[in-house]
Amino acid sequence: MCKTYAQELPIVFEYDKILFTDNQLKEIENLLVTHLEDYIKSKGGIENLELYTEKELDTMLQRDHEIIIDGLSRKLGGVSREEVKKRTKKI
């Protein structure tokens, strides 16, 4: 996963015309692996991590999306939720 993430960075930054050398991508991959290993170790092992299923993550995303839409609706002076959704789809 860390290797895939590092390899996709040039695509993400292509618009900004940021280039990466192969060595930089390998270093980013290694740093990600090190960070994750240290994080897992700090939690006392992988069995102590709170991991979510894809369905749980989708539910959390949907809930957060609804909270954001509600907040934008109120901030925009009572604009309907449907109008906020329509406007944000254009962005």
C-alpha atoms as a PDB file:
ATOM      1  CA  MET A   1       0.000   0.000   0.000  1.00  0.00           C
ATOM      2  CA  CYS A   2       2.814   2.420   0.825  1.00  0.00           C
ATOM      3  CA  LYS A   3       4.507   1.615  -2.469  1.00  0.00           C
ATOM      4  CA  THR A   4       1.265   2.202  -4.391  1.00  0.00           C
ATOM      5  CA  TYR A   5       0.674   5.503  -2.586  1.00  0.00           C
ATOM      6  CA  ALA A   6       4.216   6.700  -3.318  1.00  0.00           C
ATOM      7  CA  GLN A   7       3.960   5.668  -6.971  1.00  0.00           C
ATOM      8  CA  GLU A   8       0.722   7.644  -7.381  1.00  0.00           C
ATOM      9  CA  LEU A   9       2.188  10.894  -6.028  1.00  0.00           C
ATOM     10  CA  PRO A  10       3.447  12.077  -9.448  1.00  0.00           C
ATOM     11  CA  ILE A  11      -0.117  11.771 -10.761  1.00  0.00           C
ATOM     12  CA  VAL A  12      -1.502  13.796  -7.849  1.00  0.00           C
ATOM     13  CA  PHE A  13       1.065  16.576  -8.313  1.00  0.00           C
ATOM     14  CA  GLU A  14       1.114  16.512 -12.118  1.00  0.00           C
ATOM     15  CA  TYR A  15      -1.126  19.596 -12.347  1.00  0.00           C
ATOM     16  CA  ASP A  16       1.305  21.544 -10.145  1.00  0.00           C
ATOM     17  CA  LYS A  17       4.194  20.372 -12.350  1.00  0.00           C
ATOM     18  CA  ILE A  18       5.994  18.800  -9.391  1.00  0.00           C
ATOM     19  CA  LEU A  19       8.301  16.007 -10.414  1.00  0.00           C
ATOM     20  CA  PHE A  20       9.737  13.229  -8.253  1.00  0.00           C
ATOM     21  CA  THR A  21      12.838  11.166  -8.823  1.00  0.00           C
ATOM     22  CA  ASP A  22      12.695   7.410  -8.333  1.00  0.00           C
ATOM     23  CA  ASN A  23      14.887   7.865  -5.260  1.00  0.00           C
ATOM     24  CA  GLN A  24      12.468  10.400  -3.767  1.00  0.00           C
ATOM     25  CA  LEU A  25       9.512   8.072  -4.314  1.00  0.00           C
ATOM     26  CA  LYS A  26      11.414   5.193  -2.704  1.00  0.00           C
ATOM     27  CA  GLU A  27      12.294   7.424   0.276  1.00  0.00           C
ATOM     28  CA  ILE A  28       8.640   8.481   0.656  1.00  0.00           C
ATOM     29  CA  GLU A  29       7.615   4.825   0.577  1.00  0.00           C
ATOM     30  CA  ASN A  30      10.203   3.959   3.241  1.00  0.00           C
ATOM     31  CA  LEU A  31       9.126   6.877   5.441  1.00  0.00           C
ATOM     32  CA  LEU A  32       5.482   5.799   5.205  1.00  0.00           C
ATOM     33  CA  VAL A  33       6.362   2.225   6.166  1.00  0.00           C
ATOM     34  CA  THR A  34       8.478   3.464   9.093  1.00  0.00           C
ATOM     35  CA  HIS A  35       5.718   5.783  10.284  1.00  0.00           C
ATOM     36  CA  LEU A  36       3.085   3.043  10.129  1.00  0.00           C
ATOM     37  CA  GLU A  37       5.318   0.527  11.901  1.00  0.00           C
ATOM     38  CA  ASP A  38       6.053   3.069  14.652  1.00  0.00           C
ATOM     39  CA  TYR A  39       2.357   3.903  14.981  1.00  0.00           C
ATOM     40  CA  ILE A  40       1.393   0.238  15.288  1.00  0.00           C
ATOM     41  CA  LYS A  41       4.144  -0.297  17.843  1.00  0.00           C
ATOM     42  CA  SER A  42       2.966   2.750  19.849  1.00  0.00           C
ATOM     43  CA  LYS A  43      -0.510   1.214  20.064  1.00  0.00           C
ATOM     44  CA  GLY A  44       0.875  -2.054  21.412  1.00  0.00           C
ATOM     45  CA  GLY A  45       0.507  -4.070  18.219  1.00  0.00           C
ATOM     46  CA  ILE A  46      -1.823  -4.434  15.285  1.00  0.00           C
ATOM     47  CA  GLU A  47      -4.396  -6.253  17.422  1.00  0.00           C
ATOM     48  CA  ASN A  48      -4.921  -3.017  19.393  1.00  0.00           C
ATOM     49  CA  LEU A  49      -5.770  -0.882  16.370  1.00  0.00           C
ATOM     50  CA  GLU A  50      -9.334   0.143  15.735  1.00  0.00           C
ATOM     51  CA  LEU A  51      -9.830  -0.956  12.140  1.00  0.00           C
ATOM     52  CA  TYR A  52     -12.977  -0.287  10.110  1.00  0.00           C
ATOM     53  CA  THR A  53     -14.632  -2.198   7.306  1.00  0.00           C
ATOM     54  CA  GLU A  54     -15.271  -0.491   3.984  1.00  0.00           C
ATOM     55  CA  LYS A  55     -18.976  -0.376   4.846  1.00  0.00           C
ATOM     56  CA  GLU A  56     -18.253   1.324   8.184  1.00  0.00           C
ATOM     57  CA  LEU A  57     -16.022   3.874   6.448  1.00  0.00           C
ATOM     58  CA  ASP A  58     -18.720   4.572   3.854  1.00  0.00           C
ATOM     59  CA  THR A  59     -21.250   5.134   6.644  1.00  0.00           C
ATOM     60  CA  MET A  60     -18.878   7.523   8.414  1.00  0.00           C
ATOM     61  CA  LEU A  61     -18.237   9.400   5.152  1.00  0.00           C
ATOM     62  CA  GLN A  62     -21.965   9.744   4.471  1.00  0.00           C
ATOM     63  CA  ARG A  63     -22.609  10.993   8.020  1.00  0.00           C
ATOM     64  CA  ASP A  64     -19.794  13.557   7.762  1.00  0.00           C
ATOM     65  CA  HIS A  65     -21.058  14.662   4.345  1.00  0.00           C
ATOM     66  CA  GLU A  66     -24.526  15.280   5.759  1.00  0.00           C
ATOM     67  CA  ILE A  67     -23.082  17.304   8.657  1.00  0.00           C
ATOM     68  CA  ILE A  68     -21.107  19.455   6.204  1.00  0.00           C
ATOM     69  CA  ILE A  69     -24.135  19.991   3.946  1.00  0.00           C
ATOM     70  CA  ASP A  70     -26.241  21.005   6.973  1.00  0.00           C
ATOM     71  CA  GLY A  71     -23.560  23.428   8.125  1.00  0.00           C
ATOM     72  CA  LEU A  72     -23.216  24.995   4.682  1.00  0.00           C
ATOM     73  CA  SER A  73     -26.977  25.306   4.398  1.00  0.00           C
ATOM     74  CA  ARG A  74     -27.141  27.232   7.682  1.00  0.00           C
ATOM     75  CA  LYS A  75     -24.070  29.344   6.868  1.00  0.00           C
ATOM     76  CA  LEU A  76     -25.543  30.339   3.516  1.00  0.00           C
ATOM     77  CA  GLY A  77     -28.620  31.757   5.223  1.00  0.00           C
ATOM     78  CA  GLY A  78     -30.997  28.861   5.032  1.00  0.00           C
ATOM     79  CA  VAL A  79     -30.261  27.744   1.484  1.00  0.00           C
ATOM     80  CA  SER A  80     -31.890  24.347   1.064  1.00  0.00           C
ATOM     81  CA  ARG A  81     -29.793  21.226   1.447  1.00  0.00           C
ATOM     82  CA  GLU A  82     -30.685  20.244  -2.125  1.00  0.00           C
ATOM     83  CA  GLU A  83     -29.408  23.588  -3.440  1.00  0.00           C
ATOM     84  CA  VAL A  84     -26.165  23.216  -1.473  1.00  0.00           C
ATOM     85  CA  LYS A  85     -25.690  19.723  -2.906  1.00  0.00           C
ATOM     86  CA  LYS A  86     -26.374  21.011  -6.407  1.00  0.00           C
ATOM     87  CA  ARG A  87     -23.890  23.880  -5.981  1.00  0.00           C
ATOM     88  CA  THR A  88     -21.142  21.701  -4.543  1.00  0.00           C
ATOM     89  CA  LYS A  89     -21.439  19.183  -7.397  1.00  0.00           C
ATOM     90  CA  LYS A  90     -20.442  21.975  -9.800  1.00  0.00           C
ATOM     91  CA  ILE A  91     -17.165  22.544  -7.949  1.00  0.00           C
END
